[in-house]
Amino acid sequence: MATPLERWVDEQAKLCKPEKIYWCDGSEDEARRLIEIGMKEEKIGDTPIFQELNQKEWPNAYFHKSHPTDVARTEHLTYVCHPDKETAGPNNNWIHPEEAKEKMRKLSDGCMKGRTMYVLPYMMGHPDSPYSKACVQLTDVSYVAVSMRIMTRMIKKVIEKIGNRDDFVKGLHSVGDFDPNKRFIMHFPDEHLVWSVGSGYGGNALLGKKCFSLRIASYLGLQEGWLAEHMVILGIEDPQGNLTYVTAAMPSACGKTNLAMLESALPGYKVWTLGDDIAWLNVGPDGKLWAINP
C-alpha cells in the first residue's frame, strides 16, 4: 500500500504532468549528475541552467542565470491562506484557501510537461534533533534540487522518518513559464503546505527557508509551543573558555549577516556563526531556552 507521501507525490504528478519523476537521495554523485543535466539538458530561455566556470581557478563552481523577470522575492504575490484572515496576521497578504487552491490548480495544470519532477526529501534542523522537521519539496528545475541539497539536509533517512505520517511539511514548486502575471507563492498553514509557481528566484523557489522556516514554522510554533524567529545565532568564547550563545532579532537589511560574520578584535575571544537569518527557539526539558538554525 502506498504511503501518504507517495500518494501526495502521485497526486501532484497527475496535476503537473511531468515527463518523469526522480526521487533525490542527496548524495554527492547525484549532485554532480544534476549539474550535468543542468548544463546539457535544462534551460531558462536559451541559457543552460548551469554554466561551468574555469574549473582550475574555481573548482566545482558553476554560473546560474535568473530569468530577467525573476530577480527578487515577490512579497506582493506572497500570501498566507488560512480560513481566518485574523490568523494570517496583519503583516501578511491574505487570500482564502479555497480561492487560492482554485487559482493555483489552474496555473499548475500541466506546468511540468516535458520536464522532470524532482522529489526532494530534506530535514530542517539536524536529523537527530527533537526540534527538527521532516519536509518534502517537489520542483521541476535542477538548480533548485542542487541548491536545496546545499541549504538543507537532503537524505534518504527523511523518507524513513516520515513513514506513514501525513503531517510532513510539503512544498510544490514549478518555474512555469516565468510569466510575472502567473507568479504566486501561497502558504497553507493548516496543511503544512507551500505552493509556488512562476519563479525560480531563491526565496520563491527554495521553499525550506523563508516559506517554511519562518512563515509555516511560525504557525507550527504557535500550535506546538515554540518560536520561529528572524534571528542571528552567535557563539562567543572568552579567554577562560566560557561559552555564551546570543540571539539577535532584526528585520531584513539591518545587519544580521554582518553581525553573524563578526571577527573578534579582542585578544583571546572567539566568535562563530551558528545562523545568520532564522532561529527556532524551544524551551528544553531543563527549562533553558534552546535555539537551532534550521
Foldseek 3Di string as FASTA:
>chain_A
DDALVRVVVVVLCQQQVAPEEAEDALDPVVLVVLLVCQCPPDDQVPHGQWADDDCVVPNPDTDGDFDPLFADDDQVQEEEADCDPVVLPPVHHYDHPVVVVVLLSVLNGNLNYHFYWYKFWFKQFDPPDPPIATEIEIEGHSVLVSVLSVVTVGHPVSCVVCPRPQQGAYEYEYLRNLDPVSWHWYHYLVRNYIYTYNHPHDVRRNCVPCNRQANSVCSVCVVVPKHKAFWWWKWKAAQVGDIDIDIDHDDPPPQLVVVQPDADPDPRMGMHGQDRTIWIWDQDPVRDIDIHRD
